Amino acid sequence: MTWWIYELGRGNWIDTVAGEAVVLGSFLKDLELVARGIELADMVRAIRYDSDDFYLVEARAKLLEEEIVKLKQAQARMIYIDEICPGAEKVGKPDDEWEFDFILVEQRYQIRMLPTYRDKVKLNDRAKILAESEMVGSLTERETKILTKEVVRKVFGDQEFITTCYHDGDLLVRRTIDHQHDPADRSARGHLDIIYFDDFETATKAWKVVREVTTSGRK
């Protein structure tokens, strides 16, 4: 991954932050973090160290560095409870197959669903839609519960990220991120759908539904 890093000097801290963002983002499947790392490296190339505008690079790097520290701390407290993905293990699995993760982080349970797709074919996967419907239903089963929706669009370099957040009052209960998966392939998109639960009982009931729906067709 060193081809896109442009050094200002040996051991330059900005290069280190950019590289770490790419590595950590790839590991966590946080492609927005990957894109921000690449964007920072591009800024180093585009803005000379002796330019009056170089403070913009330093400010961006400092902000990214702080967020990396927070992500590392959260990752250290993350517990993977269960997973569903094609094949015996994630290594070598097809990108365009849905993967489901059941985790605990920051005292909240999460079910994550993610594939790579083209032309939204995978987004219409029947098993995923059934699992999603059951989980969302468990969050909104009370007639008085109305979720508010917020959509944020971000662009890093030539990559676009569209994040949609659903809140129950001030509480985040669902987040989806749709993004360009590969800058070299404009048709490839990525999708991450996270649903949050506050208690173990509700989370495990939802995960049981996900496991039943998504594995029934594979047996």
N, C-alpha and C. Protein backbone atom coordinates (compact mmCIF):
# COMPACT_ATOMS: atom_id res chain seq x y z
N MET A 1 0.81 -1.21 0.00
CA MET A 1 0.00 0.00 0.00
C MET A 1 0.85 1.27 0.00
N THR A 2 2.12 1.14 -0.28
CA THR A 2 2.99 2.31 -0.16
C THR A 2 3.01 3.17 -1.42
N TRP A 3 2.38 2.69 -2.49
CA TRP A 3 2.50 3.41 -3.76
C TRP A 3 1.87 4.79 -3.71
N TRP A 4 0.84 4.99 -2.85
CA TRP A 4 0.13 6.27 -2.83
C TRP A 4 0.64 7.19 -1.72
N ILE A 5 1.63 6.77 -0.96
CA ILE A 5 2.12 7.61 0.13
C ILE A 5 3.30 8.46 -0.36
N TYR A 6 3.21 9.74 -0.16
CA TYR A 6 4.23 10.66 -0.64
C TYR A 6 4.94 11.26 0.56
N GLU A 7 6.16 10.88 0.78
CA GLU A 7 6.86 11.25 2.00
C GLU A 7 7.36 12.69 1.98
N LEU A 8 7.23 13.34 3.12
CA LEU A 8 7.84 14.65 3.32
C LEU A 8 9.22 14.47 3.93
N GLY A 9 9.50 13.30 4.39
CA GLY A 9 10.78 13.01 5.02
C GLY A 9 10.69 11.69 5.74
N ARG A 10 11.82 11.16 6.14
CA ARG A 10 11.84 9.86 6.82
C ARG A 10 11.00 9.92 8.09
N GLY A 11 10.12 8.93 8.24
CA GLY A 11 9.32 8.84 9.46
C GLY A 11 8.27 9.93 9.58
N ASN A 12 7.88 10.55 8.48
CA ASN A 12 6.91 11.65 8.54
C ASN A 12 5.59 11.18 9.16
N TRP A 13 5.08 11.92 10.16
CA TRP A 13 3.91 11.48 10.90
C TRP A 13 2.64 11.53 10.07
N ILE A 14 2.58 12.43 9.09
CA ILE A 14 1.38 12.52 8.27
C ILE A 14 1.27 11.30 7.36
N ASP A 15 2.37 10.88 6.79
CA ASP A 15 2.37 9.65 6.00
C ASP A 15 1.91 8.47 6.86
N THR A 16 2.38 8.43 8.10
CA THR A 16 2.03 7.34 9.00
C THR A 16 0.54 7.32 9.27
N VAL A 17 -0.06 8.50 9.52
CA VAL A 17 -1.49 8.59 9.77
C VAL A 17 -2.28 8.13 8.55
N ALA A 18 -1.86 8.59 7.36
CA ALA A 18 -2.55 8.21 6.13
C ALA A 18 -2.51 6.70 5.93
N GLY A 19 -1.32 6.12 6.11
CA GLY A 19 -1.18 4.69 5.93
C GLY A 19 -1.97 3.89 6.94
N GLU A 20 -1.97 4.34 8.19
CA GLU A 20 -2.70 3.63 9.24
C GLU A 20 -4.20 3.69 8.99
N ALA A 21 -4.68 4.82 8.47
CA ALA A 21 -6.10 4.94 8.16
C ALA A 21 -6.51 3.90 7.12
N VAL A 22 -5.68 3.69 6.12
CA VAL A 22 -5.98 2.72 5.07
C VAL A 22 -5.96 1.29 5.63
N VAL A 23 -4.94 0.97 6.40
CA VAL A 23 -4.82 -0.38 6.95
C VAL A 23 -5.95 -0.68 7.93
N LEU A 24 -6.19 0.25 8.88
CA LEU A 24 -7.23 0.03 9.87
C LEU A 24 -8.61 0.03 9.21
N GLY A 25 -8.83 0.93 8.27
CA GLY A 25 -10.11 0.98 7.58
C GLY A 25 -10.39 -0.30 6.81
N SER A 26 -9.37 -0.86 6.18
CA SER A 26 -9.54 -2.12 5.44
C SER A 26 -9.88 -3.26 6.41
N PHE A 27 -9.21 -3.29 7.55
CA PHE A 27 -9.46 -4.33 8.54
C PHE A 27 -10.87 -4.25 9.11
N LEU A 28 -11.33 -3.03 9.38
CA LEU A 28 -12.65 -2.83 9.98
C LEU A 28 -13.77 -2.76 8.95
N LYS A 29 -13.43 -2.86 7.67
CA LYS A 29 -14.39 -2.69 6.57
C LYS A 29 -15.02 -1.30 6.61
N ASP A 30 -14.24 -0.33 7.05
CA ASP A 30 -14.66 1.07 7.09
C ASP A 30 -14.01 1.77 5.90
N LEU A 31 -14.68 1.70 4.75
CA LEU A 31 -14.07 2.23 3.54
C LEU A 31 -14.07 3.75 3.49
N GLU A 32 -14.86 4.39 4.34
CA GLU A 32 -14.75 5.84 4.45
C GLU A 32 -13.41 6.21 5.07
N LEU A 33 -12.99 5.45 6.06
CA LEU A 33 -11.68 5.69 6.66
C LEU A 33 -10.57 5.44 5.65
N VAL A 34 -10.70 4.41 4.84
CA VAL A 34 -9.72 4.14 3.77
C VAL A 34 -9.65 5.33 2.83
N ALA A 35 -10.82 5.82 2.41
CA ALA A 35 -10.85 6.95 1.47
C ALA A 35 -10.24 8.20 2.07
N ARG A 36 -10.45 8.41 3.36
CA ARG A 36 -9.87 9.59 4.02
C ARG A 36 -8.35 9.48 4.11
N GLY A 37 -7.85 8.26 4.31
CA GLY A 37 -6.40 8.07 4.31
C GLY A 37 -5.79 8.37 2.96
N ILE A 38 -6.45 7.88 1.91
CA ILE A 38 -5.97 8.14 0.55
C ILE A 38 -6.05 9.62 0.22
N GLU A 39 -7.15 10.26 0.65
CA GLU A 39 -7.31 11.69 0.41
C GLU A 39 -6.20 12.49 1.09
N LEU A 40 -5.85 12.12 2.33
CA LEU A 40 -4.77 12.80 3.03
C LEU A 40 -3.44 12.64 2.30
N ALA A 41 -3.17 11.43 1.82
CA ALA A 41 -1.94 11.20 1.06
C ALA A 41 -1.92 12.05 -0.21
N ASP A 42 -3.06 12.18 -0.87
CA ASP A 42 -3.14 13.01 -2.08
C ASP A 42 -2.91 14.48 -1.75
N MET A 43 -3.41 14.92 -0.58
CA MET A 43 -3.18 16.31 -0.18
C MET A 43 -1.70 16.58 0.05
N VAL A 44 -0.99 15.61 0.64
CA VAL A 44 0.44 15.77 0.84
C VAL A 44 1.16 15.95 -0.48
N ARG A 45 0.70 15.23 -1.48
CA ARG A 45 1.32 15.35 -2.80
C ARG A 45 0.99 16.69 -3.45
N ALA A 46 -0.25 17.15 -3.26
CA ALA A 46 -0.73 18.33 -3.98
C ALA A 46 -0.28 19.65 -3.33
N ILE A 47 -0.09 19.65 -2.00
CA ILE A 47 0.24 20.89 -1.29
C ILE A 47 1.66 20.78 -0.73
N ARG A 48 2.54 21.62 -1.20
CA ARG A 48 3.93 21.58 -0.77
C ARG A 48 4.07 21.93 0.71
N TYR A 49 5.11 21.38 1.32
CA TYR A 49 5.35 21.59 2.75
C TYR A 49 5.56 23.07 3.07
N ASP A 50 6.16 23.82 2.14
CA ASP A 50 6.43 25.23 2.39
C ASP A 50 5.31 26.14 1.91
N SER A 51 4.17 25.54 1.53
CA SER A 51 3.03 26.34 1.08
C SER A 51 2.28 26.93 2.27
N ASP A 52 1.71 28.12 2.06
CA ASP A 52 0.90 28.74 3.12
C ASP A 52 -0.34 27.90 3.45
N ASP A 53 -0.73 27.01 2.53
CA ASP A 53 -1.92 26.19 2.74
C ASP A 53 -1.64 24.85 3.40
N PHE A 54 -0.37 24.62 3.76
CA PHE A 54 -0.05 23.30 4.30
C PHE A 54 -0.69 23.07 5.67
N TYR A 55 -1.10 24.13 6.34
CA TYR A 55 -1.79 23.97 7.62
C TYR A 55 -3.07 23.15 7.44
N LEU A 56 -3.67 23.21 6.23
CA LEU A 56 -4.87 22.42 5.96
C LEU A 56 -4.57 20.92 6.01
N VAL A 57 -3.40 20.55 5.50
CA VAL A 57 -2.98 19.15 5.53
C VAL A 57 -2.76 18.72 6.99
N GLU A 58 -2.06 19.56 7.75
CA GLU A 58 -1.78 19.22 9.15
C GLU A 58 -3.07 19.10 9.97
N ALA A 59 -4.01 20.00 9.72
CA ALA A 59 -5.28 19.96 10.45
C ALA A 59 -6.05 18.69 10.12
N ARG A 60 -6.09 18.34 8.82
CA ARG A 60 -6.78 17.12 8.40
C ARG A 60 -6.11 15.88 9.01
N ALA A 61 -4.79 15.88 9.02
CA ALA A 61 -4.06 14.74 9.58
C ALA A 61 -4.30 14.60 11.07
N LYS A 62 -4.30 15.72 11.78
CA LYS A 62 -4.51 15.69 13.23
C LYS A 62 -5.90 15.15 13.56
N LEU A 63 -6.91 15.59 12.83
CA LEU A 63 -8.27 15.12 13.06
C LEU A 63 -8.38 13.62 12.79
N LEU A 64 -7.75 13.18 11.69
CA LEU A 64 -7.78 11.76 11.35
C LEU A 64 -7.04 10.93 12.39
N GLU A 65 -5.94 11.46 12.89
CA GLU A 65 -5.16 10.76 13.91
C GLU A 65 -5.99 10.56 15.17
N GLU A 66 -6.74 11.58 15.58
CA GLU A 66 -7.57 11.48 16.78
C GLU A 66 -8.68 10.44 16.60
N GLU A 67 -9.25 10.39 15.40
CA GLU A 67 -10.31 9.43 15.14
C GLU A 67 -9.77 8.00 15.10
N ILE A 68 -8.55 7.83 14.61
CA ILE A 68 -7.92 6.51 14.60
C ILE A 68 -7.73 6.01 16.02
N VAL A 69 -7.30 6.89 16.92
CA VAL A 69 -7.12 6.53 18.33
C VAL A 69 -8.45 6.04 18.92
N LYS A 70 -9.53 6.76 18.64
CA LYS A 70 -10.85 6.37 19.15
C LYS A 70 -11.29 5.02 18.58
N LEU A 71 -11.02 4.81 17.29
CA LEU A 71 -11.40 3.55 16.65
C LEU A 71 -10.62 2.38 17.25
N LYS A 72 -9.36 2.59 17.52
CA LYS A 72 -8.55 1.54 18.13
C LYS A 72 -9.08 1.18 19.51
N GLN A 73 -9.46 2.18 20.27
CA GLN A 73 -9.99 1.94 21.61
C GLN A 73 -11.31 1.16 21.54
N ALA A 74 -12.16 1.55 20.58
CA ALA A 74 -13.44 0.84 20.40
C ALA A 74 -13.20 -0.59 19.95
N GLN A 75 -12.24 -0.78 19.02
CA GLN A 75 -11.93 -2.11 18.52
C GLN A 75 -11.44 -3.02 19.64
N ALA A 76 -10.68 -2.46 20.57
CA ALA A 76 -10.16 -3.25 21.69
C ALA A 76 -11.28 -3.74 22.59
N ARG A 77 -12.40 -3.00 22.60
CA ARG A 77 -13.53 -3.38 23.45
C ARG A 77 -14.60 -4.15 22.68
N MET A 78 -14.36 -4.41 21.40
CA MET A 78 -15.35 -5.08 20.55
C MET A 78 -15.29 -6.59 20.74
N ILE A 79 -16.45 -7.19 20.90
CA ILE A 79 -16.55 -8.64 21.05
C ILE A 79 -17.38 -9.19 19.89
N TYR A 80 -16.78 -10.10 19.11
CA TYR A 80 -17.51 -10.76 18.04
C TYR A 80 -18.23 -11.97 18.62
N ILE A 81 -19.55 -11.96 18.53
CA ILE A 81 -20.35 -13.02 19.13
C ILE A 81 -20.61 -14.15 18.13
N ASP A 82 -20.94 -13.79 16.90
CA ASP A 82 -21.24 -14.80 15.89
C ASP A 82 -21.14 -14.15 14.51
N GLU A 83 -21.07 -14.98 13.47
CA GLU A 83 -20.99 -14.45 12.11
C GLU A 83 -21.59 -15.46 11.14
N ILE A 84 -22.06 -14.94 10.04
CA ILE A 84 -22.57 -15.77 8.94
C ILE A 84 -21.95 -15.23 7.66
N CYS A 85 -21.26 -16.08 6.94
CA CYS A 85 -20.70 -15.67 5.65
C CYS A 85 -20.52 -16.91 4.80
N PRO A 86 -20.51 -16.76 3.47
CA PRO A 86 -20.34 -17.92 2.58
C PRO A 86 -19.02 -18.61 2.84
N GLY A 87 -19.03 -19.94 2.80
CA GLY A 87 -17.81 -20.69 3.00
C GLY A 87 -17.50 -20.87 4.47
N ALA A 88 -16.40 -21.53 4.75
CA ALA A 88 -16.02 -21.84 6.12
C ALA A 88 -15.42 -20.66 6.84
N GLU A 89 -14.87 -19.71 6.09
CA GLU A 89 -14.24 -18.56 6.72
C GLU A 89 -14.33 -17.37 5.77
N LYS A 90 -14.05 -16.17 6.31
CA LYS A 90 -14.18 -14.95 5.51
C LYS A 90 -13.09 -14.84 4.45
N VAL A 91 -11.92 -15.42 4.72
CA VAL A 91 -10.82 -15.29 3.78
C VAL A 91 -11.20 -15.93 2.46
N GLY A 92 -11.17 -15.15 1.41
CA GLY A 92 -11.48 -15.66 0.09
C GLY A 92 -12.95 -15.72 -0.25
N LYS A 93 -13.80 -15.21 0.63
CA LYS A 93 -15.23 -15.25 0.33
C LYS A 93 -15.55 -14.27 -0.79
N PRO A 94 -16.59 -14.56 -1.61
CA PRO A 94 -16.96 -13.63 -2.68
C PRO A 94 -17.40 -12.29 -2.11
N ASP A 95 -16.93 -11.20 -2.69
CA ASP A 95 -17.30 -9.87 -2.19
C ASP A 95 -18.79 -9.60 -2.32
N ASP A 96 -19.42 -10.19 -3.37
CA ASP A 96 -20.81 -9.84 -3.63
C ASP A 96 -21.80 -10.72 -2.86
N GLU A 97 -21.32 -11.48 -1.89
CA GLU A 97 -22.21 -12.25 -1.02
C GLU A 97 -22.43 -11.50 0.29
N TRP A 98 -23.64 -11.57 0.82
CA TRP A 98 -23.94 -10.91 2.08
C TRP A 98 -23.17 -11.57 3.23
N GLU A 99 -22.65 -10.75 4.08
CA GLU A 99 -21.97 -11.21 5.29
C GLU A 99 -22.67 -10.58 6.48
N PHE A 100 -22.89 -11.35 7.52
CA PHE A 100 -23.59 -10.86 8.71
C PHE A 100 -22.70 -11.05 9.93
N ASP A 101 -22.57 -10.00 10.74
CA ASP A 101 -21.77 -10.05 11.96
C ASP A 101 -22.62 -9.64 13.15
N PHE A 102 -22.49 -10.38 14.24
CA PHE A 102 -23.18 -10.07 15.49
C PHE A 102 -22.11 -9.72 16.51
N ILE A 103 -22.07 -8.46 16.93
CA ILE A 103 -20.99 -7.99 17.79
C ILE A 103 -21.53 -7.17 18.96
N LEU A 104 -20.67 -6.98 19.94
CA LEU A 104 -20.95 -6.09 21.07
C LEU A 104 -19.84 -5.07 21.15
N VAL A 105 -20.21 -3.79 21.10
CA VAL A 105 -19.22 -2.73 21.18
C VAL A 105 -19.84 -1.52 21.86
N GLU A 106 -19.07 -0.91 22.75
CA GLU A 106 -19.54 0.27 23.48
C GLU A 106 -20.88 0.00 24.18
N GLN A 107 -21.03 -1.22 24.72
CA GLN A 107 -22.20 -1.61 25.51
C GLN A 107 -23.49 -1.66 24.68
N ARG A 108 -23.36 -1.72 23.37
CA ARG A 108 -24.54 -1.90 22.52
C ARG A 108 -24.28 -3.06 21.56
N TYR A 109 -25.32 -3.85 21.34
CA TYR A 109 -25.21 -4.97 20.40
C TYR A 109 -25.47 -4.45 18.98
N GLN A 110 -24.75 -5.02 18.04
CA GLN A 110 -24.91 -4.61 16.65
C GLN A 110 -25.01 -5.84 15.75
N ILE A 111 -25.88 -5.75 14.76
CA ILE A 111 -25.91 -6.73 13.68
C ILE A 111 -25.54 -5.97 12.41
N ARG A 112 -24.43 -6.39 11.79
CA ARG A 112 -23.93 -5.72 10.60
C ARG A 112 -24.16 -6.60 9.38
N MET A 113 -24.61 -5.98 8.30
CA MET A 113 -24.85 -6.69 7.04
C MET A 113 -24.14 -5.93 5.94
N LEU A 114 -23.33 -6.64 5.15
CA LEU A 114 -22.58 -5.93 4.12
C LEU A 114 -22.23 -6.84 2.94
N PRO A 115 -22.41 -6.29 1.71
CA PRO A 115 -21.89 -6.93 0.50
C PRO A 115 -21.23 -5.87 -0.39
N THR A 116 -20.65 -6.31 -1.47
CA THR A 116 -20.34 -5.42 -2.60
C THR A 116 -21.37 -5.75 -3.67
N TYR A 117 -21.80 -4.77 -4.43
CA TYR A 117 -22.84 -5.09 -5.41
C TYR A 117 -22.69 -4.25 -6.67
N ARG A 118 -23.42 -4.65 -7.69
CA ARG A 118 -23.53 -3.90 -8.94
C ARG A 118 -25.01 -3.85 -9.31
N ASP A 119 -25.45 -2.68 -9.73
CA ASP A 119 -26.84 -2.49 -10.19
C ASP A 119 -27.87 -2.88 -9.14
N LYS A 120 -27.48 -2.82 -7.87
CA LYS A 120 -28.38 -3.07 -6.74
C LYS A 120 -28.99 -4.46 -6.73
N VAL A 121 -28.41 -5.40 -7.48
CA VAL A 121 -28.94 -6.76 -7.51
C VAL A 121 -28.88 -7.38 -6.11
N LYS A 122 -27.73 -7.30 -5.45
CA LYS A 122 -27.57 -7.91 -4.14
C LYS A 122 -28.41 -7.23 -3.06
N LEU A 123 -28.72 -5.94 -3.26
CA LEU A 123 -29.51 -5.24 -2.26
C LEU A 123 -30.94 -5.78 -2.21
N ASN A 124 -31.35 -6.48 -3.25
CA ASN A 124 -32.70 -7.04 -3.31
C ASN A 124 -32.72 -8.52 -2.92
N ASP A 125 -31.63 -9.00 -2.32
CA ASP A 125 -31.54 -10.39 -1.89
C ASP A 125 -32.69 -10.70 -0.93
N ARG A 126 -33.46 -11.75 -1.23
CA ARG A 126 -34.68 -12.04 -0.49
C ARG A 126 -34.40 -12.34 0.99
N ALA A 127 -33.37 -13.14 1.25
CA ALA A 127 -33.06 -13.49 2.63
C ALA A 127 -32.69 -12.27 3.46
N LYS A 128 -31.89 -11.38 2.86
CA LYS A 128 -31.50 -10.18 3.58
C LYS A 128 -32.70 -9.30 3.86
N ILE A 129 -33.58 -9.15 2.88
CA ILE A 129 -34.76 -8.30 3.06
C ILE A 129 -35.66 -8.85 4.17
N LEU A 130 -35.82 -10.18 4.22
CA LEU A 130 -36.64 -10.77 5.28
C LEU A 130 -36.02 -10.55 6.65
N ALA A 131 -34.70 -10.75 6.75
CA ALA A 131 -34.01 -10.54 8.02
C ALA A 131 -34.10 -9.09 8.44
N GLU A 132 -33.89 -8.19 7.49
CA GLU A 132 -33.96 -6.76 7.78
C GLU A 132 -35.35 -6.37 8.27
N SER A 133 -36.38 -6.87 7.60
CA SER A 133 -37.75 -6.54 7.97
C SER A 133 -38.07 -6.98 9.39
N GLU A 134 -37.62 -8.18 9.75
CA GLU A 134 -37.87 -8.68 11.10
C GLU A 134 -37.15 -7.83 12.15
N MET A 135 -35.90 -7.46 11.86
CA MET A 135 -35.14 -6.68 12.83
C MET A 135 -35.71 -5.27 13.00
N VAL A 136 -36.02 -4.62 11.89
CA VAL A 136 -36.59 -3.27 11.97
C VAL A 136 -37.94 -3.31 12.68
N GLY A 137 -38.69 -4.38 12.43
CA GLY A 137 -39.98 -4.54 13.09
C GLY A 137 -39.84 -4.63 14.60
N SER A 138 -38.76 -5.27 15.06
CA SER A 138 -38.54 -5.38 16.51
C SER A 138 -38.20 -4.04 17.12
N LEU A 139 -37.67 -3.12 16.32
CA LEU A 139 -37.32 -1.80 16.82
C LEU A 139 -38.50 -0.84 16.81
N THR A 140 -39.48 -1.10 15.96
CA THR A 140 -40.59 -0.16 15.78
C THR A 140 -41.93 -0.81 16.09
N GLU A 141 -41.93 -1.85 16.91
CA GLU A 141 -43.16 -2.59 17.16
C GLU A 141 -44.18 -1.77 17.94
N ARG A 142 -43.73 -0.82 18.74
CA ARG A 142 -44.68 0.04 19.44
C ARG A 142 -45.19 1.11 18.47
N GLU A 143 -46.49 1.30 18.43
CA GLU A 143 -47.08 2.26 17.50
C GLU A 143 -46.60 3.68 17.76
N THR A 144 -46.22 3.95 19.00
CA THR A 144 -45.79 5.30 19.34
C THR A 144 -44.35 5.59 18.92
N LYS A 145 -43.62 4.56 18.50
CA LYS A 145 -42.21 4.75 18.17
C LYS A 145 -42.07 5.18 16.70
N ILE A 146 -41.57 6.37 16.49
CA ILE A 146 -41.35 6.90 15.14
C ILE A 146 -39.88 7.24 15.01
N LEU A 147 -39.22 6.66 14.01
CA LEU A 147 -37.80 6.90 13.80
C LEU A 147 -37.59 8.11 12.90
N THR A 148 -36.70 8.98 13.29
CA THR A 148 -36.34 10.11 12.44
C THR A 148 -35.16 9.71 11.55
N LYS A 149 -35.10 10.28 10.38
CA LYS A 149 -34.11 9.89 9.37
C LYS A 149 -33.25 11.08 8.98
N GLU A 150 -31.94 10.84 8.90
CA GLU A 150 -31.00 11.88 8.49
C GLU A 150 -30.05 11.30 7.45
N VAL A 151 -29.90 12.01 6.33
CA VAL A 151 -29.03 11.55 5.24
C VAL A 151 -27.88 12.54 5.08
N VAL A 152 -26.67 12.02 5.07
CA VAL A 152 -25.47 12.84 4.92
C VAL A 152 -24.65 12.31 3.75
N ARG A 153 -24.27 13.20 2.85
CA ARG A 153 -23.45 12.82 1.70
C ARG A 153 -22.07 13.41 1.88
N LYS A 154 -21.03 12.57 1.74
CA LYS A 154 -19.64 13.01 1.84
C LYS A 154 -18.89 12.56 0.60
N VAL A 155 -17.93 13.38 0.17
CA VAL A 155 -17.09 13.02 -0.96
C VAL A 155 -15.63 13.13 -0.54
N PHE A 156 -14.89 12.06 -0.73
CA PHE A 156 -13.46 12.05 -0.45
C PHE A 156 -12.74 11.71 -1.76
N GLY A 157 -12.07 12.71 -2.32
CA GLY A 157 -11.46 12.50 -3.63
C GLY A 157 -12.56 12.25 -4.65
N ASP A 158 -12.53 11.09 -5.29
CA ASP A 158 -13.57 10.76 -6.27
C ASP A 158 -14.53 9.70 -5.74
N GLN A 159 -14.55 9.50 -4.41
CA GLN A 159 -15.44 8.51 -3.81
C GLN A 159 -16.55 9.20 -3.01
N GLU A 160 -17.78 8.73 -3.24
CA GLU A 160 -18.94 9.28 -2.57
C GLU A 160 -19.47 8.30 -1.51
N PHE A 161 -19.81 8.84 -0.34
CA PHE A 161 -20.39 8.04 0.73
C PHE A 161 -21.72 8.68 1.13
N ILE A 162 -22.78 7.87 1.09
CA ILE A 162 -24.11 8.34 1.49
C ILE A 162 -24.50 7.58 2.75
N THR A 163 -24.56 8.30 3.87
CA THR A 163 -24.87 7.70 5.16
C THR A 163 -26.27 8.10 5.60
N THR A 164 -27.08 7.12 5.95
CA THR A 164 -28.43 7.37 6.44
C THR A 164 -28.53 6.86 7.87
N CYS A 165 -28.92 7.75 8.79
CA CYS A 165 -29.05 7.39 10.20
C CYS A 165 -30.51 7.47 10.63
N TYR A 166 -30.94 6.49 11.40
CA TYR A 166 -32.30 6.46 11.92
C TYR A 166 -32.21 6.53 13.44
N HIS A 167 -32.94 7.49 14.02
CA HIS A 167 -32.88 7.71 15.46
C HIS A 167 -34.26 7.52 16.10
N ASP A 168 -34.24 6.99 17.31
CA ASP A 168 -35.40 6.96 18.17
C ASP A 168 -35.15 8.01 19.24
N GLY A 169 -35.64 9.22 19.01
CA GLY A 169 -35.26 10.34 19.86
C GLY A 169 -33.79 10.67 19.60
N ASP A 170 -32.97 10.62 20.64
CA ASP A 170 -31.54 10.87 20.49
C ASP A 170 -30.74 9.59 20.27
N LEU A 171 -31.41 8.45 20.29
CA LEU A 171 -30.72 7.16 20.23
C LEU A 171 -30.61 6.66 18.79
N LEU A 172 -29.39 6.37 18.36
CA LEU A 172 -29.16 5.81 17.03
C LEU A 172 -29.56 4.34 17.04
N VAL A 173 -30.48 3.94 16.14
CA VAL A 173 -30.93 2.55 16.10
C VAL A 173 -30.57 1.85 14.79
N ARG A 174 -30.24 2.63 13.77
CA ARG A 174 -29.85 2.01 12.49
C ARG A 174 -29.01 3.00 11.70
N ARG A 175 -28.02 2.45 10.98
CA ARG A 175 -27.17 3.28 10.12
C ARG A 175 -26.83 2.49 8.87
N THR A 176 -27.01 3.11 7.72
CA THR A 176 -26.63 2.48 6.46
C THR A 176 -25.63 3.39 5.75
N ILE A 177 -24.65 2.76 5.12
CA ILE A 177 -23.65 3.50 4.34
C ILE A 177 -23.56 2.88 2.97
N ASP A 178 -23.80 3.68 1.95
CA ASP A 178 -23.69 3.22 0.57
C ASP A 178 -22.56 4.02 -0.08
N HIS A 179 -21.67 3.34 -0.76
CA HIS A 179 -20.48 4.04 -1.24
C HIS A 179 -19.90 3.37 -2.47
N GLN A 180 -19.08 4.13 -3.18
CA GLN A 180 -18.32 3.56 -4.28
C GLN A 180 -17.25 2.66 -3.70
N HIS A 181 -17.25 1.41 -4.09
CA HIS A 181 -16.38 0.43 -3.47
C HIS A 181 -14.96 0.48 -3.99
N ASP A 182 -14.80 0.77 -5.27
CA ASP A 182 -13.48 0.71 -5.90
C ASP A 182 -13.34 1.88 -6.85
N PRO A 183 -12.42 2.82 -6.59
CA PRO A 183 -12.26 3.97 -7.49
C PRO A 183 -11.96 3.57 -8.92
N ALA A 184 -11.38 2.39 -9.11
CA ALA A 184 -11.04 1.95 -10.47
C ALA A 184 -12.22 1.31 -11.19
N ASP A 185 -13.28 0.99 -10.44
CA ASP A 185 -14.46 0.35 -11.04
C ASP A 185 -15.69 1.12 -10.62
N ARG A 186 -16.17 1.99 -11.48
CA ARG A 186 -17.28 2.88 -11.13
C ARG A 186 -18.59 2.12 -10.91
N SER A 187 -18.68 0.87 -11.42
CA SER A 187 -19.93 0.12 -11.28
C SER A 187 -20.01 -0.63 -9.95
N ALA A 188 -18.87 -0.76 -9.27
CA ALA A 188 -18.84 -1.51 -8.00
C ALA A 188 -19.22 -0.60 -6.84
N ARG A 189 -20.22 -1.01 -6.09
CA ARG A 189 -20.66 -0.26 -4.93
C ARG A 189 -20.53 -1.13 -3.68
N GLY A 190 -20.42 -0.47 -2.55
CA GLY A 190 -20.38 -1.18 -1.28
C GLY A 190 -21.56 -0.74 -0.43
N HIS A 191 -21.96 -1.59 0.50
CA HIS A 191 -23.11 -1.28 1.34
C HIS A 191 -22.86 -1.84 2.73
N LEU A 192 -23.13 -1.04 3.74
CA LEU A 192 -23.04 -1.47 5.13
C LEU A 192 -24.33 -1.08 5.84
N ASP A 193 -24.95 -2.04 6.46
CA ASP A 193 -26.21 -1.80 7.18
C ASP A 193 -26.02 -2.28 8.61
N ILE A 194 -26.14 -1.37 9.58
CA ILE A 194 -25.94 -1.71 10.99
C ILE A 194 -27.23 -1.43 11.76
N ILE A 195 -27.68 -2.42 12.52
CA ILE A 195 -28.84 -2.23 13.38
C ILE A 195 -28.38 -2.43 14.83
N TYR A 196 -28.77 -1.51 15.70
CA TYR A 196 -28.28 -1.46 17.07
C TYR A 196 -29.36 -1.94 18.05
N PHE A 197 -28.91 -2.64 19.10
CA PHE A 197 -29.81 -3.13 20.14
C PHE A 197 -29.21 -2.80 21.50
N ASP A 198 -30.08 -2.50 22.45
CA ASP A 198 -29.62 -2.12 23.79
C ASP A 198 -29.57 -3.28 24.77
N ASP A 199 -30.33 -4.34 24.51
CA ASP A 199 -30.34 -5.44 25.47
C ASP A 199 -30.08 -6.77 24.76
N PHE A 200 -29.51 -7.69 25.51
CA PHE A 200 -29.07 -8.98 24.96
C PHE A 200 -30.26 -9.80 24.46
N GLU A 201 -31.37 -9.78 25.17
CA GLU A 201 -32.52 -10.59 24.79
C GLU A 201 -33.05 -10.20 23.41
N THR A 202 -33.25 -8.90 23.20
CA THR A 202 -33.76 -8.44 21.91
C THR A 202 -32.76 -8.72 20.80
N ALA A 203 -31.48 -8.50 21.10
CA ALA A 203 -30.43 -8.72 20.10
C ALA A 203 -30.35 -10.18 19.69
N THR A 204 -30.40 -11.09 20.65
CA THR A 204 -30.29 -12.51 20.33
C THR A 204 -31.52 -13.02 19.58
N LYS A 205 -32.69 -12.49 19.91
CA LYS A 205 -33.89 -12.86 19.16
C LYS A 205 -33.76 -12.43 17.70
N ALA A 206 -33.25 -11.21 17.49
CA ALA A 206 -33.06 -10.71 16.13
C ALA A 206 -32.02 -11.55 15.40
N TRP A 207 -30.92 -11.89 16.08
CA TRP A 207 -29.87 -12.68 15.43
C TRP A 207 -30.38 -14.09 15.09
N LYS A 208 -31.23 -14.65 15.92
CA LYS A 208 -31.80 -15.96 15.64
C LYS A 208 -32.61 -15.92 14.34
N VAL A 209 -33.36 -14.84 14.15
CA VAL A 209 -34.12 -14.67 12.91
C VAL A 209 -33.18 -14.57 11.72
N VAL A 210 -32.12 -13.77 11.86
CA VAL A 210 -31.14 -13.61 10.78
C VAL A 210 -30.54 -14.96 10.42
N ARG A 211 -30.14 -15.72 11.42
CA ARG A 211 -29.51 -17.02 11.17
C ARG A 211 -30.48 -17.99 10.49
N GLU A 212 -31.72 -18.02 10.95
CA GLU A 212 -32.70 -18.92 10.36
C GLU A 212 -33.00 -18.56 8.91
N VAL A 213 -33.20 -17.27 8.67
CA VAL A 213 -33.58 -16.83 7.32
C VAL A 213 -32.43 -16.98 6.34
N THR A 214 -31.22 -16.60 6.76
CA THR A 214 -30.10 -16.55 5.81
C THR A 214 -29.43 -17.91 5.59
N THR A 215 -29.63 -18.84 6.51
CA THR A 215 -28.98 -20.15 6.34
C THR A 215 -29.94 -21.22 5.84
N SER A 216 -31.22 -20.95 5.86
CA SER A 216 -32.20 -21.98 5.46
C SER A 216 -32.04 -22.39 4.01
N GLY A 217 -31.65 -21.42 3.17
CA GLY A 217 -31.49 -21.73 1.74
C GLY A 217 -30.17 -22.36 1.39
N ARG A 218 -29.25 -22.47 2.38
CA ARG A 218 -27.92 -23.02 2.11
C ARG A 218 -27.77 -24.46 2.55
N LYS A 219 -28.79 -24.95 3.25
CA LYS A 219 -28.68 -26.31 3.78
C LYS A 219 -29.03 -27.33 2.69
